[in-house]
Amino acid sequence: MNAQMNRCRLYLISPPRFETEAFADALRDALAGGDVACFQLRLKNAADAEVMRVGAALRPIVQSAGAALILNDRPDLAAKLDADGVHVGQSDASYAQARAMLGANKIVGVTCHNSRHFAMEAAEAGADYVAFGAFYPTDTKAPSHWAEPEVLEIWSEISTIPCVAIGGITIGNAEPLIRAGADFLAVSSGVWNHAHGPRAAVAAFNELFYA
């Protein structure tokens, strides 16, 4: 999921709840809309068996579109699922634990909130990307930290490790984050709840990236 020619790319995140068969169709539709770097399966509080079942159903859809399947929080399940990577928060498994479970060739990303210190620690440890946010209010989860675009500007000046902007991002508010230097925009409801559907949302984000 390396940035291509420093162009921002879309990091798609699942809705917090969905019916698998219907969502699989929505996911195919979204991925047909344009370039998507990866898809994060985020099922908070779901049983392990449910995460595995849904992940196994969605993995071929994601990978056949050329995107990476990232599992949220759980490197142990990501390893069992043979996902392309895992995203861990500051209160989840550590980067070192995640890397040990997944091996050297998988993606491990780390939530860093609004902290350049956390990001430097993650980058120095070997993280494939660092994630900053939330930048805007979001219905997907209750943010515990808020970030300003300046953190993206500074990070892009001091590090070559890609950064992901997350939190309430939509077509209407994405441009300042792109200008600030985000390598990826992590988007959930901004795609799934788009007035013209997921495919149109992905296409619109890509138009912004290529503008």
C-alpha atoms as a PDB file:
ATOM      1  CA  MET A   1       0.000   0.000   0.000  1.00  0.00           C
ATOM      2  CA  ASN A   2       2.853   2.370  -0.747  1.00  0.00           C
ATOM      3  CA  ALA A   3       1.900   5.810  -1.955  1.00  0.00           C
ATOM      4  CA  GLN A   4       2.167   6.109  -5.741  1.00  0.00           C
ATOM      5  CA  MET A   5       4.029   9.225  -6.978  1.00  0.00           C
ATOM      6  CA  ASN A   6       3.097  10.926  -3.684  1.00  0.00           C
ATOM      7  CA  ARG A   7      -0.552  10.898  -4.736  1.00  0.00           C
ATOM      8  CA  CYS A   8      -3.070  10.439  -1.940  1.00  0.00           C
ATOM      9  CA  ARG A   9      -5.060   7.191  -2.056  1.00  0.00           C
ATOM     10  CA  LEU A  10      -8.227   5.856  -0.458  1.00  0.00           C
ATOM     11  CA  TYR A  11      -8.112   3.648   2.643  1.00  0.00           C
ATOM     12  CA  LEU A  12     -11.620   2.227   2.900  1.00  0.00           C
ATOM     13  CA  ILE A  13     -13.044   1.169   6.278  1.00  0.00           C
ATOM     14  CA  SER A  14     -16.069  -1.070   6.762  1.00  0.00           C
ATOM     15  CA  PRO A  15     -19.251   0.152   8.442  1.00  0.00           C
ATOM     16  CA  PRO A  16     -19.436  -0.853  12.115  1.00  0.00           C
ATOM     17  CA  ARG A  17     -22.315  -3.269  11.435  1.00  0.00           C
ATOM     18  CA  PHE A  18     -23.628  -4.918   8.291  1.00  0.00           C
ATOM     19  CA  GLU A  19     -25.202  -8.035   6.824  1.00  0.00           C
ATOM     20  CA  THR A  20     -22.427  -9.876   5.024  1.00  0.00           C
ATOM     21  CA  GLU A  21     -24.117 -10.847   1.762  1.00  0.00           C
ATOM     22  CA  ALA A  22     -25.640  -7.417   1.141  1.00  0.00           C
ATOM     23  CA  PHE A  23     -22.432  -5.662   2.128  1.00  0.00           C
ATOM     24  CA  ALA A  24     -20.386  -7.848  -0.202  1.00  0.00           C
ATOM     25  CA  ASP A  25     -22.357  -6.374  -3.095  1.00  0.00           C
ATOM     26  CA  ALA A  26     -21.798  -2.843  -1.778  1.00  0.00           C
ATOM     27  CA  LEU A  27     -18.087  -3.549  -1.414  1.00  0.00           C
ATOM     28  CA  ARG A  28     -17.813  -4.797  -5.011  1.00  0.00           C
ATOM     29  CA  ASP A  29     -19.630  -1.658  -6.121  1.00  0.00           C
ATOM     30  CA  ALA A  30     -17.271   0.586  -4.167  1.00  0.00           C
ATOM     31  CA  LEU A  31     -14.135  -1.126  -5.436  1.00  0.00           C
ATOM     32  CA  ALA A  32     -15.371  -0.730  -9.003  1.00  0.00           C
ATOM     33  CA  GLY A  33     -15.410   3.044  -8.553  1.00  0.00           C
ATOM     34  CA  GLY A  34     -11.650   3.541  -8.792  1.00  0.00           C
ATOM     35  CA  ASP A  35      -8.361   3.059  -7.007  1.00  0.00           C
ATOM     36  CA  VAL A  36      -8.614   1.799  -3.417  1.00  0.00           C
ATOM     37  CA  ALA A  37      -5.358   1.033  -1.615  1.00  0.00           C
ATOM     38  CA  CYS A  38      -6.846  -1.133   1.106  1.00  0.00           C
ATOM     39  CA  PHE A  39      -9.971  -2.124   2.957  1.00  0.00           C
ATOM     40  CA  GLN A  40     -10.011  -2.347   6.727  1.00  0.00           C
ATOM     41  CA  LEU A  41     -12.465  -4.758   8.320  1.00  0.00           C
ATOM     42  CA  ARG A  42     -13.459  -3.132  11.589  1.00  0.00           C
ATOM     43  CA  LEU A  43     -15.957  -5.175  13.612  1.00  0.00           C
ATOM     44  CA  LYS A  44     -15.729  -3.933  17.174  1.00  0.00           C
ATOM     45  CA  ASN A  45     -17.067  -6.335  19.828  1.00  0.00           C
ATOM     46  CA  ALA A  46     -17.796  -9.080  17.291  1.00  0.00           C
ATOM     47  CA  ALA A  47     -16.991 -12.658  18.279  1.00  0.00           C
ATOM     48  CA  ASP A  48     -13.781 -14.088  16.875  1.00  0.00           C
ATOM     49  CA  ALA A  49     -15.695 -16.623  14.801  1.00  0.00           C
ATOM     50  CA  GLU A  50     -17.788 -13.857  13.257  1.00  0.00           C
ATOM     51  CA  VAL A  51     -14.718 -11.809  12.345  1.00  0.00           C
ATOM     52  CA  MET A  52     -13.167 -14.860  10.726  1.00  0.00           C
ATOM     53  CA  ARG A  53     -16.363 -15.732   8.841  1.00  0.00           C
ATOM     54  CA  VAL A  54     -16.841 -12.219   7.480  1.00  0.00           C
ATOM     55  CA  GLY A  55     -13.155 -11.790   6.724  1.00  0.00           C
ATOM     56  CA  ALA A  56     -13.045 -15.018   4.746  1.00  0.00           C
ATOM     57  CA  ALA A  57     -16.085 -13.926   2.727  1.00  0.00           C
ATOM     58  CA  LEU A  58     -14.734 -10.466   1.914  1.00  0.00           C
ATOM     59  CA  ARG A  59     -11.045 -11.243   1.398  1.00  0.00           C
ATOM     60  CA  PRO A  60     -11.336 -12.496  -2.213  1.00  0.00           C
ATOM     61  CA  ILE A  61     -13.474  -9.494  -3.153  1.00  0.00           C
ATOM     62  CA  VAL A  62     -10.895  -7.078  -1.769  1.00  0.00           C
ATOM     63  CA  GLN A  63      -7.830  -8.827  -3.112  1.00  0.00           C
ATOM     64  CA  SER A  64      -9.257  -9.438  -6.574  1.00  0.00           C
ATOM     65  CA  ALA A  65      -9.661  -5.660  -6.857  1.00  0.00           C
ATOM     66  CA  GLY A  66      -5.981  -5.175  -6.088  1.00  0.00           C
ATOM     67  CA  ALA A  67      -6.564  -3.809  -2.599  1.00  0.00           C
ATOM     68  CA  ALA A  68      -5.086  -5.036   0.688  1.00  0.00           C
ATOM     69  CA  LEU A  69      -7.302  -6.550   3.382  1.00  0.00           C
ATOM     70  CA  ILE A  70      -6.440  -5.022   6.759  1.00  0.00           C
ATOM     71  CA  LEU A  71      -7.954  -6.334   9.984  1.00  0.00           C
ATOM     72  CA  ASN A  72      -8.557  -3.902  12.811  1.00  0.00           C
ATOM     73  CA  ASP A  73      -7.157  -4.511  16.314  1.00  0.00           C
ATOM     74  CA  ARG A  74      -6.464  -8.245  16.115  1.00  0.00           C
ATOM     75  CA  PRO A  75      -3.107  -9.412  14.736  1.00  0.00           C
ATOM     76  CA  ASP A  76      -3.821 -12.949  15.944  1.00  0.00           C
ATOM     77  CA  LEU A  77      -6.958 -13.163  13.811  1.00  0.00           C
ATOM     78  CA  ALA A  78      -5.242 -11.381  10.919  1.00  0.00           C
ATOM     79  CA  ALA A  79      -2.593 -14.107  10.929  1.00  0.00           C
ATOM     80  CA  LYS A  80      -5.197 -16.894  11.021  1.00  0.00           C
ATOM     81  CA  LEU A  81      -7.170 -15.249   8.244  1.00  0.00           C
ATOM     82  CA  ASP A  82      -4.031 -14.644   6.181  1.00  0.00           C
ATOM     83  CA  ALA A  83      -5.070 -11.017   5.802  1.00  0.00           C
ATOM     84  CA  ASP A  84      -2.661  -8.607   4.171  1.00  0.00           C
ATOM     85  CA  GLY A  85      -2.127  -6.755   7.407  1.00  0.00           C
ATOM     86  CA  VAL A  86      -3.429  -5.347  10.664  1.00  0.00           C
ATOM     87  CA  HIS A  87      -4.102  -1.945  12.162  1.00  0.00           C
ATOM     88  CA  VAL A  88      -3.425  -1.572  15.878  1.00  0.00           C
ATOM     89  CA  GLY A  89      -4.341   1.224  18.268  1.00  0.00           C
ATOM     90  CA  GLN A  90      -2.425   2.505  21.238  1.00  0.00           C
ATOM     91  CA  SER A  91      -4.474   0.261  23.549  1.00  0.00           C
ATOM     92  CA  ASP A  92      -4.341  -2.836  21.323  1.00  0.00           C
ATOM     93  CA  ALA A  93      -1.457  -5.220  20.745  1.00  0.00           C
ATOM     94  CA  SER A  94       1.867  -3.417  20.408  1.00  0.00           C
ATOM     95  CA  TYR A  95       3.560  -2.985  17.057  1.00  0.00           C
ATOM     96  CA  ALA A  96       6.203  -5.543  18.094  1.00  0.00           C
ATOM     97  CA  GLN A  97       3.545  -8.096  19.043  1.00  0.00           C
ATOM     98  CA  ALA A  98       1.670  -7.530  15.784  1.00  0.00           C
ATOM     99  CA  ARG A  99       4.816  -7.864  13.703  1.00  0.00           C
ATOM    100  CA  ALA A 100       5.804 -11.060  15.506  1.00  0.00           C
ATOM    101  CA  MET A 101       2.398 -12.594  14.778  1.00  0.00           C
ATOM    102  CA  LEU A 102       2.194 -11.514  11.136  1.00  0.00           C
ATOM    103  CA  GLY A 103       5.800 -11.735   9.986  1.00  0.00           C
ATOM    104  CA  ALA A 104       7.951  -9.387   7.986  1.00  0.00           C
ATOM    105  CA  ASN A 105       5.924  -9.260   4.777  1.00  0.00           C
ATOM    106  CA  LYS A 106       2.546  -8.127   6.108  1.00  0.00           C
ATOM    107  CA  ILE A 107       1.317  -4.571   6.644  1.00  0.00           C
ATOM    108  CA  VAL A 108       1.267  -3.265  10.215  1.00  0.00           C
ATOM    109  CA  GLY A 109      -0.164   0.210  10.765  1.00  0.00           C
ATOM    110  CA  VAL A 110      -0.413   2.090  14.052  1.00  0.00           C
ATOM    111  CA  THR A 111      -2.868   4.656  15.407  1.00  0.00           C
ATOM    112  CA  CYS A 112      -0.997   7.709  16.655  1.00  0.00           C
ATOM    113  CA  HIS A 113      -3.910  10.068  17.413  1.00  0.00           C
ATOM    114  CA  ASN A 114      -2.441  13.589  17.222  1.00  0.00           C
ATOM    115  CA  SER A 115       0.996  12.656  18.550  1.00  0.00           C
ATOM    116  CA  ARG A 116       4.169  13.003  16.518  1.00  0.00           C
ATOM    117  CA  HIS A 117       5.928  11.248  19.405  1.00  0.00           C
ATOM    118  CA  PHE A 118       3.762   8.136  19.001  1.00  0.00           C
ATOM    119  CA  ALA A 119       4.295   8.318  15.250  1.00  0.00           C
ATOM    120  CA  MET A 120       8.073   8.541  15.567  1.00  0.00           C
ATOM    121  CA  GLU A 121       8.097   5.564  17.929  1.00  0.00           C
ATOM    122  CA  ALA A 122       5.993   3.533  15.505  1.00  0.00           C
ATOM    123  CA  ALA A 123       8.086   4.542  12.502  1.00  0.00           C
ATOM    124  CA  GLU A 124      11.348   3.762  14.240  1.00  0.00           C
ATOM    125  CA  ALA A 125       9.978   0.347  15.244  1.00  0.00           C
ATOM    126  CA  GLY A 126       9.182  -0.413  11.605  1.00  0.00           C
ATOM    127  CA  ALA A 127       5.491   0.425  11.122  1.00  0.00           C
ATOM    128  CA  ASP A 128       4.338   0.504   7.504  1.00  0.00           C
ATOM    129  CA  TYR A 129       2.165   3.544   8.155  1.00  0.00           C
ATOM    130  CA  VAL A 130       1.020   5.823  10.966  1.00  0.00           C
ATOM    131  CA  ALA A 131      -2.541   7.107  11.336  1.00  0.00           C
ATOM    132  CA  PHE A 132      -3.517  10.533  12.674  1.00  0.00           C
ATOM    133  CA  GLY A 133      -6.983  11.704  13.721  1.00  0.00           C
ATOM    134  CA  ALA A 134      -9.765  12.271  14.242  1.00  0.00           C
ATOM    135  CA  PHE A 135      -9.862  15.332  12.010  1.00  0.00           C
ATOM    136  CA  TYR A 136     -13.639  15.749  11.905  1.00  0.00           C
ATOM    137  CA  PRO A 137     -16.611  14.541  13.959  1.00  0.00           C
ATOM    138  CA  THR A 138     -17.717  11.045  13.015  1.00  0.00           C
ATOM    139  CA  ASP A 139     -20.673   8.782  13.727  1.00  0.00           C
ATOM    140  CA  THR A 140     -18.564   5.655  13.233  1.00  0.00           C
ATOM    141  CA  LYS A 141     -16.879   5.915  16.632  1.00  0.00           C
ATOM    142  CA  ALA A 142     -16.497   8.425  19.457  1.00  0.00           C
ATOM    143  CA  PRO A 143     -13.082  10.080  18.941  1.00  0.00           C
ATOM    144  CA  SER A 144     -10.886  10.346  22.019  1.00  0.00           C
ATOM    145  CA  HIS A 145      -8.373  12.626  20.293  1.00  0.00           C
ATOM    146  CA  TRP A 146      -8.568  15.391  17.722  1.00  0.00           C
ATOM    147  CA  ALA A 147      -5.938  16.308  15.160  1.00  0.00           C
ATOM    148  CA  GLU A 148      -5.289  19.306  12.919  1.00  0.00           C
ATOM    149  CA  PRO A 149      -3.981  19.196   9.328  1.00  0.00           C
ATOM    150  CA  GLU A 150      -0.708  20.682  10.587  1.00  0.00           C
ATOM    151  CA  VAL A 151       0.322  17.287  11.974  1.00  0.00           C
ATOM    152  CA  LEU A 152       0.176  15.887   8.423  1.00  0.00           C
ATOM    153  CA  GLU A 153       2.237  18.778   7.077  1.00  0.00           C
ATOM    154  CA  ILE A 154       4.920  18.316   9.705  1.00  0.00           C
ATOM    155  CA  TRP A 155       4.983  14.545   9.323  1.00  0.00           C
ATOM    156  CA  SER A 156       5.398  14.730   5.557  1.00  0.00           C
ATOM    157  CA  GLU A 157       8.400  17.015   6.095  1.00  0.00           C
ATOM    158  CA  ILE A 158      10.182  14.881   8.693  1.00  0.00           C
ATOM    159  CA  SER A 159       9.408  11.298   7.653  1.00  0.00           C
ATOM    160  CA  THR A 160       9.057   9.092   4.595  1.00  0.00           C
ATOM    161  CA  ILE A 161       6.715   6.673   6.423  1.00  0.00           C
ATOM    162  CA  PRO A 162       3.225   7.075   4.922  1.00  0.00           C
ATOM    163  CA  CYS A 163       0.561   8.766   7.023  1.00  0.00           C
ATOM    164  CA  VAL A 164      -3.158   8.067   7.069  1.00  0.00           C
ATOM    165  CA  ALA A 165      -5.730  10.715   7.961  1.00  0.00           C
ATOM    166  CA  ILE A 166      -8.862   9.386   9.657  1.00  0.00           C
ATOM    167  CA  GLY A 167     -12.054  10.642  11.229  1.00  0.00           C
ATOM    168  CA  GLY A 168     -15.245  11.967   9.631  1.00  0.00           C
ATOM    169  CA  ILE A 169     -13.698  12.444   6.192  1.00  0.00           C
ATOM    170  CA  THR A 170     -16.060  13.115   3.281  1.00  0.00           C
ATOM    171  CA  ILE A 171     -15.790  14.421  -0.260  1.00  0.00           C
ATOM    172  CA  GLY A 172     -16.681  17.848   1.081  1.00  0.00           C
ATOM    173  CA  ASN A 173     -13.955  18.135   3.719  1.00  0.00           C
ATOM    174  CA  ALA A 174     -11.128  16.010   2.309  1.00  0.00           C
ATOM    175  CA  GLU A 175      -9.223  18.618   0.332  1.00  0.00           C
ATOM    176  CA  PRO A 176      -7.403  20.299   3.271  1.00  0.00           C
ATOM    177  CA  LEU A 177      -6.064  16.903   4.373  1.00  0.00           C
ATOM    178  CA  ILE A 178      -4.859  16.078   0.874  1.00  0.00           C
ATOM    179  CA  ARG A 179      -3.133  19.470   0.627  1.00  0.00           C
ATOM    180  CA  ALA A 180      -1.565  18.938   4.041  1.00  0.00           C
ATOM    181  CA  GLY A 181       0.215  15.813   2.827  1.00  0.00           C
ATOM    182  CA  ALA A 182      -1.900  12.800   3.762  1.00  0.00           C
ATOM    183  CA  ASP A 183      -0.756   9.732   1.852  1.00  0.00           C
ATOM    184  CA  PHE A 184      -4.061   7.965   2.502  1.00  0.00           C
ATOM    185  CA  LEU A 185      -7.537   9.065   3.575  1.00  0.00           C
ATOM    186  CA  ALA A 186      -9.339   6.538   5.778  1.00  0.00           C
ATOM    187  CA  VAL A 187     -13.038   6.785   4.994  1.00  0.00           C
ATOM    188  CA  SER A 188     -16.071   4.855   6.177  1.00  0.00           C
ATOM    189  CA  SER A 189     -19.462   6.604   6.179  1.00  0.00           C
ATOM    190  CA  GLY A 190     -18.191   9.110   3.610  1.00  0.00           C
ATOM    191  CA  VAL A 191     -18.324   6.236   1.133  1.00  0.00           C
ATOM    192  CA  TRP A 192     -21.063   3.930   2.416  1.00  0.00           C
ATOM    193  CA  ASN A 193     -23.557   6.744   3.102  1.00  0.00           C
ATOM    194  CA  HIS A 194     -22.790   8.796   0.001  1.00  0.00           C
ATOM    195  CA  ALA A 195     -25.944  10.124  -1.625  1.00  0.00           C
ATOM    196  CA  HIS A 196     -25.102   8.532  -4.980  1.00  0.00           C
ATOM    197  CA  GLY A 197     -23.750   5.249  -3.647  1.00  0.00           C
ATOM    198  CA  PRO A 198     -20.345   3.751  -2.834  1.00  0.00           C
ATOM    199  CA  ARG A 199     -19.081   3.552  -6.420  1.00  0.00           C
ATOM    200  CA  ALA A 200     -19.761   7.248  -7.007  1.00  0.00           C
ATOM    201  CA  ALA A 201     -18.076   8.119  -3.711  1.00  0.00           C
ATOM    202  CA  VAL A 202     -14.889   6.219  -4.572  1.00  0.00           C
ATOM    203  CA  ALA A 203     -14.845   7.827  -8.006  1.00  0.00           C
ATOM    204  CA  ALA A 204     -15.280  11.275  -6.470  1.00  0.00           C
ATOM    205  CA  PHE A 205     -12.427  10.732  -4.012  1.00  0.00           C
ATOM    206  CA  ASN A 206     -10.174   9.662  -6.849  1.00  0.00           C
ATOM    207  CA  GLU A 207     -11.076  12.783  -8.787  1.00  0.00           C
ATOM    208  CA  LEU A 208      -9.872  14.800  -5.792  1.00  0.00           C
ATOM    209  CA  PHE A 209      -6.646  12.817  -5.608  1.00  0.00           C
ATOM    210  CA  TYR A 210      -5.890  13.334  -9.292  1.00  0.00           C
ATOM    211  CA  ALA A 211      -6.908  16.996  -9.388  1.00  0.00           C
END
